[in-house]
């Protein structure tokens, strides 16, 4: 079997007739590739005013604040309250466990100090 070479397809070929439209004609049509390309280049190269920069900065900050604010209704508040209560109940248990570990570790040190004083 032999591989056939790729052929250029005529599927995307556009027939213009006698001559293709000039660049100025393409730019006059707002939907053409040339005019869309020109608009995007102009927009990209255009310097923003101080006012526009400030507006964008404020919008970004507002979006960040909106993300940080808690959302939800009564159910969300109930879940948050239950989580706070659960965490508050766990914290004293952890503190008590940490204190008992600290006490057991401190006992031999206290005994060693007492031995040196005698």
Protein backbone atom coordinates (compact mmCIF):
# COMPACT_ATOMS: atom_id res chain seq x y z
CA UNK A 1 0.00 0.00 0.00
CA UNK A 2 1.18 3.49 -0.69
CA UNK A 3 0.44 6.63 1.15
CA UNK A 4 -1.23 9.34 -0.82
CA UNK A 5 0.14 12.84 -0.54
CA UNK A 6 -2.07 15.38 1.13
CA UNK A 7 -3.89 17.54 -1.31
CA UNK A 8 -4.94 21.07 -0.68
CA UNK A 9 -8.66 21.14 -0.37
CA UNK A 10 -10.71 23.67 -2.26
CA UNK A 11 -13.40 23.57 0.43
CA UNK A 12 -12.32 26.84 2.07
CA UNK A 13 -11.38 28.61 -1.10
CA UNK A 14 -13.26 31.80 -1.86
CA UNK A 15 -13.94 32.86 -5.42
CA UNK A 16 -13.77 36.62 -5.75
CA UNK A 17 -14.51 36.90 -9.41
CA UNK A 18 -12.18 39.10 -11.42
CA UNK A 19 -10.20 40.54 -8.50
CA UNK A 20 -10.18 40.29 -4.74
CA UNK A 21 -11.47 43.25 -2.72
CA UNK A 22 -8.92 45.86 -1.74
CA UNK A 23 -7.80 46.23 1.83
CA UNK A 24 -9.79 49.42 2.29
CA UNK A 25 -12.95 47.58 1.19
CA UNK A 26 -12.23 44.80 3.68
CA UNK A 27 -11.70 47.31 6.47
CA UNK A 28 -14.98 49.03 5.61
CA UNK A 29 -16.92 45.82 6.30
CA UNK A 30 -17.32 45.60 10.12
CA UNK A 31 -17.66 41.80 10.07
CA UNK A 32 -14.57 41.03 8.03
CA UNK A 33 -11.45 39.47 9.47
CA UNK A 34 -9.35 42.50 8.58
CA UNK A 35 -11.59 44.99 10.38
CA UNK A 36 -11.96 42.78 13.48
CA UNK A 37 -8.19 42.33 13.59
CA UNK A 38 -7.62 46.09 13.25
CA UNK A 39 -10.10 46.85 16.06
CA UNK A 40 -8.50 44.36 18.42
CA UNK A 41 -5.01 45.71 17.71
CA UNK A 42 -6.16 49.28 18.29
CA UNK A 43 -7.88 48.29 21.50
CA UNK A 44 -4.84 46.40 22.75
CA UNK A 45 -2.43 49.23 21.95
CA UNK A 46 -4.67 51.91 23.40
CA UNK A 47 -3.42 53.35 26.69
CA UNK A 48 -5.98 53.47 29.47
CA UNK A 49 -6.68 56.71 31.23
CA UNK A 50 -6.00 57.13 34.93
CA UNK A 51 -9.75 57.15 35.53
CA UNK A 52 -10.23 53.81 33.72
CA UNK A 53 -7.35 52.26 35.66
CA UNK A 54 -8.86 53.45 38.94
CA UNK A 55 -12.27 52.04 37.98
CA UNK A 56 -10.75 48.65 37.16
CA UNK A 57 -8.87 48.64 40.46
CA UNK A 58 -12.05 49.43 42.39
CA UNK A 59 -13.96 46.70 40.53
CA UNK A 60 -11.25 44.14 41.37
CA UNK A 61 -11.33 45.15 45.03
CA UNK A 62 -15.13 44.96 45.09
CA UNK A 63 -15.00 41.44 43.59
CA UNK A 64 -12.46 40.39 46.23
CA UNK A 65 -14.62 41.82 49.02
CA UNK A 66 -17.67 40.02 47.61
CA UNK A 67 -15.77 36.73 47.59
CA UNK A 68 -14.63 37.20 51.17
CA UNK A 69 -18.08 38.01 52.54
CA UNK A 70 -20.00 34.99 53.79
CA UNK A 71 -22.92 34.03 51.65
CA UNK A 72 -26.00 32.06 52.43
CA UNK A 73 -29.23 32.15 54.34
CA UNK A 74 -30.58 30.64 57.53
CA UNK A 75 -29.23 27.16 56.81
CA UNK A 76 -25.73 28.50 56.22
CA UNK A 77 -25.89 30.46 59.48
CA UNK A 78 -27.07 27.35 61.31
CA UNK A 79 -24.18 25.30 59.90
CA UNK A 80 -21.68 28.00 60.83
CA UNK A 81 -23.08 28.19 64.35
CA UNK A 82 -22.86 24.42 64.76
CA UNK A 83 -19.29 24.42 63.46
CA UNK A 84 -18.33 27.18 65.92
CA UNK A 85 -19.87 25.20 68.80
CA UNK A 86 -18.09 22.05 67.69
CA UNK A 87 -14.74 23.86 67.44
CA UNK A 88 -15.30 25.51 70.83
CA UNK A 89 -15.96 22.08 72.36
CA UNK A 90 -12.82 20.60 70.77
CA UNK A 91 -10.50 23.43 71.80
CA UNK A 92 -10.80 22.88 75.60
CA UNK A 93 -10.23 19.13 75.12
CA UNK A 94 -7.06 19.85 73.14
CA UNK A 95 -5.89 22.39 75.73
CA UNK A 96 -6.49 19.90 78.55
CA UNK A 97 -4.56 17.22 76.69
CA UNK A 98 -1.70 19.62 76.00
CA UNK A 99 -1.61 20.70 79.64
CA UNK A 100 -1.48 17.09 80.88
CA UNK A 101 1.39 16.35 78.49
CA UNK A 102 3.21 19.48 79.69
CA UNK A 103 2.68 18.49 83.34
CA UNK A 104 4.08 14.99 82.83
CA UNK A 105 7.09 16.41 81.01
CA UNK A 106 7.67 19.01 83.74
CA UNK A 107 7.57 16.53 86.67
CA UNK A 108 11.03 14.97 86.08
CA UNK A 109 12.53 18.43 85.64
CA UNK A 110 11.03 19.54 88.98
CA UNK A 111 12.41 16.45 90.69
CA UNK A 112 15.85 17.08 89.23
CA UNK A 113 15.82 20.65 90.57
CA UNK A 114 14.81 19.44 94.02
CA UNK A 115 17.63 16.87 94.00
CA UNK A 116 20.23 19.52 93.20
CA UNK A 117 19.01 21.78 96.03
CA UNK A 118 19.40 19.05 98.65
